N, C-alpha and C. Protein backbone atom coordinates (compact mmCIF):
# COMPACT_ATOMS: atom_id res chain seq x y z
N MET A 1 14.77 4.93 -5.44
CA MET A 1 13.54 4.76 -5.03
C MET A 1 13.09 5.55 -6.44
N SER A 2 12.15 5.31 -7.11
CA SER A 2 11.58 5.95 -8.05
C SER A 2 10.02 6.24 -7.54
N GLU A 3 9.35 6.47 -8.25
CA GLU A 3 8.04 7.41 -8.28
C GLU A 3 7.60 7.09 -6.57
N LYS A 4 6.90 8.07 -5.87
CA LYS A 4 5.45 7.45 -5.21
C LYS A 4 4.11 7.27 -5.44
N ILE A 5 3.86 7.05 -4.65
CA ILE A 5 2.71 6.17 -5.56
C ILE A 5 0.96 6.90 -4.19
N GLY A 6 1.91 7.11 -2.88
CA GLY A 6 1.17 7.37 -1.83
C GLY A 6 1.17 7.33 -0.86
N GLU A 7 -0.24 6.86 0.58
CA GLU A 7 0.39 6.82 1.70
C GLU A 7 -0.50 6.46 2.62
N ILE A 8 0.11 6.08 3.14
CA ILE A 8 -0.23 4.78 4.41
C ILE A 8 -1.14 5.67 5.22
N GLU A 9 -3.12 5.07 5.16
CA GLU A 9 -4.00 6.03 6.11
C GLU A 9 -4.22 5.63 7.07
N ASN A 10 -4.57 4.34 7.16
CA ASN A 10 -4.69 3.12 8.65
C ASN A 10 -4.23 1.86 9.09
N PHE A 11 -3.43 1.29 9.49
CA PHE A 11 -3.39 0.34 9.41
C PHE A 11 -4.09 -1.20 10.11
N TYR A 12 -4.32 -1.84 10.93
CA TYR A 12 -5.37 -2.70 10.97
C TYR A 12 -5.03 -3.98 11.15
N SER A 13 -3.69 -4.11 12.54
CA SER A 13 -2.93 -5.06 13.31
C SER A 13 -3.18 -6.14 13.56
N LYS A 14 -4.64 -6.34 13.36
CA LYS A 14 -5.67 -8.29 13.80
C LYS A 14 -5.12 -9.27 12.05
N ILE A 15 -5.70 -8.21 11.54
CA ILE A 15 -5.75 -9.19 10.19
C ILE A 15 -4.60 -8.47 9.16
N SER A 16 -3.52 -7.75 9.68
CA SER A 16 -2.02 -7.39 9.24
C SER A 16 -2.13 -6.57 6.92
N VAL A 17 -3.19 -5.51 7.60
CA VAL A 17 -3.69 -4.47 6.41
C VAL A 17 -3.98 -3.24 6.50
N CYS A 18 -3.42 -2.83 5.98
CA CYS A 18 -3.51 -1.10 5.33
C CYS A 18 -4.19 -0.31 3.97
N VAL A 19 -4.33 0.63 4.94
CA VAL A 19 -5.86 1.04 3.47
C VAL A 19 -3.80 2.02 2.94
N LEU A 20 -4.25 1.92 1.24
CA LEU A 20 -3.40 2.74 0.90
C LEU A 20 -4.39 3.72 0.15
N ASP A 21 -3.82 4.96 0.08
CA ASP A 21 -4.35 6.46 -0.21
C ASP A 21 -3.40 6.42 -1.94
N ILE A 22 -4.33 6.15 -3.07
CA ILE A 22 -3.03 6.11 -4.16
C ILE A 22 -3.07 7.74 -4.39
N THR A 23 -2.04 8.16 -5.04
CA THR A 23 -2.27 9.78 -4.69
C THR A 23 -1.73 10.29 -5.92
N SER A 24 -1.21 8.65 -6.76
CA SER A 24 -0.88 9.59 -8.10
C SER A 24 -0.31 7.83 -8.57
N GLY A 25 -0.18 7.78 -10.05
CA GLY A 25 0.05 6.84 -9.98
C GLY A 25 -0.73 5.36 -10.35
N SER A 26 -0.25 4.51 -10.09
CA SER A 26 -1.09 2.72 -10.28
C SER A 26 -0.54 1.76 -9.63
N VAL A 27 -1.29 0.71 -9.06
CA VAL A 27 -0.53 -0.06 -8.56
C VAL A 27 -1.31 -1.59 -8.60
N ASN A 28 -0.76 -2.56 -9.41
CA ASN A 28 -0.81 -3.42 -10.03
C ASN A 28 -0.64 -5.09 -8.61
N ILE A 29 -1.39 -5.57 -8.97
CA ILE A 29 -0.75 -7.46 -8.29
C ILE A 29 0.48 -8.14 -9.12
N GLY A 30 1.44 -7.52 -8.21
CA GLY A 30 2.62 -8.08 -8.53
C GLY A 30 3.90 -6.83 -8.37
N ASP A 31 3.21 -6.26 -8.32
CA ASP A 31 3.81 -4.65 -8.63
C ASP A 31 5.41 -4.70 -6.80
N LYS A 32 6.36 -4.61 -7.21
CA LYS A 32 6.76 -4.51 -6.03
C LYS A 32 7.18 -2.62 -5.57
N ILE A 33 6.85 -2.67 -4.33
CA ILE A 33 6.64 -1.37 -2.95
C ILE A 33 7.85 -1.41 -2.17
N ALA A 34 8.15 0.28 -1.79
CA ALA A 34 8.67 0.35 -1.09
C ALA A 34 8.10 0.83 0.12
N ILE A 35 7.40 0.53 1.72
CA ILE A 35 6.61 1.64 2.23
C ILE A 35 7.68 2.37 3.30
N LYS A 36 8.26 3.92 3.35
CA LYS A 36 8.71 4.43 4.47
C LYS A 36 8.29 5.76 5.19
N GLY A 37 9.02 5.72 6.61
CA GLY A 37 7.85 5.95 7.16
C GLY A 37 9.25 6.63 8.51
N SER A 38 8.61 6.91 9.84
CA SER A 38 9.75 7.20 11.29
C SER A 38 10.73 5.81 11.32
N THR A 39 10.00 5.53 11.86
CA THR A 39 9.89 3.34 12.28
C THR A 39 9.33 2.45 11.28
N THR A 40 9.46 2.46 9.53
CA THR A 40 8.87 2.19 8.77
C THR A 40 9.99 1.67 7.06
N ASP A 41 10.39 1.17 7.43
CA ASP A 41 11.19 0.93 5.91
C ASP A 41 11.34 -0.73 5.21
N PHE A 42 9.93 -0.93 4.41
CA PHE A 42 10.84 -2.41 3.73
C PHE A 42 10.20 -2.07 2.58
N GLU A 43 11.02 -3.30 1.84
CA GLU A 43 9.90 -3.78 0.69
C GLU A 43 9.27 -4.78 0.15
N MET A 44 8.05 -4.64 -0.23
CA MET A 44 7.05 -5.97 -0.11
C MET A 44 6.90 -6.49 -2.07
N THR A 45 6.02 -6.91 -2.75
CA THR A 45 5.66 -7.67 -2.98
C THR A 45 3.70 -7.57 -3.35
N VAL A 46 3.27 -6.55 -4.19
CA VAL A 46 1.91 -6.92 -4.27
C VAL A 46 0.95 -8.18 -4.05
N GLU A 47 0.50 -8.91 -3.95
CA GLU A 47 -0.14 -9.84 -3.13
C GLU A 47 -2.12 -10.39 -3.07
N SER A 48 -1.95 -9.09 -2.31
CA SER A 48 -3.66 -9.04 -2.78
C SER A 48 -4.25 -7.81 -1.95
N MET A 49 -4.90 -7.07 -2.42
CA MET A 49 -5.26 -5.85 -3.01
C MET A 49 -6.80 -5.68 -3.06
N GLN A 50 -7.83 -5.29 -2.25
CA GLN A 50 -9.17 -5.06 -2.16
C GLN A 50 -9.20 -3.75 -2.29
N ILE A 51 -11.39 -3.30 -2.28
CA ILE A 51 -11.66 -2.73 -2.44
C ILE A 51 -12.53 -2.65 -1.80
N ASP A 52 -13.65 -2.30 -0.87
CA ASP A 52 -14.64 -2.59 -0.59
C ASP A 52 -14.62 -4.22 0.24
N ARG A 53 -14.01 -5.47 0.25
CA ARG A 53 -13.52 -6.38 0.10
C ARG A 53 -13.90 -7.25 -0.65
N ALA A 54 -13.99 -6.67 -2.00
CA ALA A 54 -13.62 -7.27 -3.47
C ALA A 54 -12.53 -7.13 -4.35
N ASP A 55 -11.93 -8.68 -4.35
CA ASP A 55 -10.20 -9.02 -4.41
C ASP A 55 -10.67 -7.75 -5.56
N ILE A 56 -8.88 -7.06 -6.36
CA ILE A 56 -9.14 -5.99 -7.34
C ILE A 56 -7.31 -6.90 -7.79
N GLU A 57 -7.46 -6.27 -9.02
CA GLU A 57 -5.95 -6.30 -10.26
C GLU A 57 -4.88 -5.96 -10.36
N SER A 58 -5.62 -4.24 -10.43
CA SER A 58 -5.21 -2.49 -10.33
C SER A 58 -6.08 -1.51 -9.85
N ALA A 59 -5.46 -0.49 -9.08
CA ALA A 59 -5.83 0.76 -8.66
C ALA A 59 -5.02 1.97 -9.37
N SER A 60 -5.79 2.35 -9.74
CA SER A 60 -5.25 3.90 -9.47
C SER A 60 -5.80 4.85 -8.66
N ALA A 61 -4.81 6.33 -9.09
CA ALA A 61 -5.37 7.85 -8.36
C ALA A 61 -6.06 7.95 -8.55
N GLY A 62 -6.43 7.99 -6.67
CA GLY A 62 -7.93 8.99 -6.53
C GLY A 62 -8.63 8.14 -5.35
N GLN A 63 -8.17 6.83 -5.73
CA GLN A 63 -8.84 5.28 -4.72
C GLN A 63 -8.06 4.71 -3.43
N LYS A 64 -8.65 4.42 -2.52
CA LYS A 64 -8.02 3.38 -1.44
C LYS A 64 -8.06 2.14 -1.86
N VAL A 65 -7.42 1.65 -1.48
CA VAL A 65 -7.29 -0.88 -1.15
C VAL A 65 -6.61 -0.74 0.02
N GLY A 66 -7.00 -1.80 0.17
CA GLY A 66 -6.79 -2.33 1.90
C GLY A 66 -4.94 -3.41 0.95
N LEU A 67 -4.65 -2.89 1.64
CA LEU A 67 -3.18 -4.21 1.11
C LEU A 67 -2.62 -5.15 2.03
N LYS A 68 -2.48 -6.09 1.84
CA LYS A 68 -2.41 -6.79 2.95
C LYS A 68 -1.02 -7.12 3.11
N VAL A 69 0.01 -6.43 4.61
CA VAL A 69 1.43 -6.27 4.91
C VAL A 69 2.33 -7.17 5.36
N PRO A 70 3.42 -7.24 5.23
CA PRO A 70 4.12 -8.51 6.22
C PRO A 70 4.12 -8.03 7.71
N GLU A 71 4.79 -6.31 7.75
CA GLU A 71 5.17 -5.28 9.17
C GLU A 71 4.17 -5.00 9.31
N ARG A 72 4.15 -3.96 10.66
CA ARG A 72 3.70 -2.84 11.41
C ARG A 72 3.80 -1.55 10.51
N VAL A 73 2.48 -1.38 9.82
CA VAL A 73 3.23 0.24 8.93
C VAL A 73 2.36 1.22 10.03
N ARG A 74 2.40 2.70 9.53
CA ARG A 74 2.01 3.33 10.04
C ARG A 74 1.26 4.68 9.51
N PRO A 75 -0.08 5.84 9.80
CA PRO A 75 -0.67 6.33 9.15
C PRO A 75 0.16 6.79 8.64
N GLY A 76 0.71 7.93 6.90
CA GLY A 76 1.62 8.79 7.09
C GLY A 76 3.04 8.32 6.16
N ASP A 77 2.82 6.69 6.86
CA ASP A 77 3.75 6.70 5.76
C ASP A 77 4.03 6.48 4.32
N GLU A 78 5.06 6.97 3.42
CA GLU A 78 4.66 6.46 1.56
C GLU A 78 4.94 5.11 1.55
N VAL A 79 4.34 5.41 0.46
CA VAL A 79 4.44 3.81 -0.49
C VAL A 79 5.06 4.64 -1.90
N PHE A 80 5.69 4.08 -1.89
CA PHE A 80 6.74 4.07 -3.28
C PHE A 80 6.52 3.12 -4.37
N LYS A 81 6.37 2.70 -5.90
CA LYS A 81 7.00 1.85 -6.64
C LYS A 81 8.21 1.79 -7.31
N VAL A 82 8.38 0.58 -6.84
CA VAL A 82 10.49 0.93 -7.21
C VAL A 82 10.54 0.07 -8.43
């Protein structure tokens, strides 16, 4: 596994979107990330990212972004750049 970039802050099941609090590094459209927690463990490619309902291409430490995810995630799950 590579660097930890942040943690999941919230998850909205109806739209399958999570809020990622980026604590270090950056994340860009097309990056491969891994989400791991007590019951969560999968990898995905970032295809959609938003801040305040506006599409963005990249985000860095200190920002909170909405990410479309293929599976349920939970607050506290850790996110790593692969």
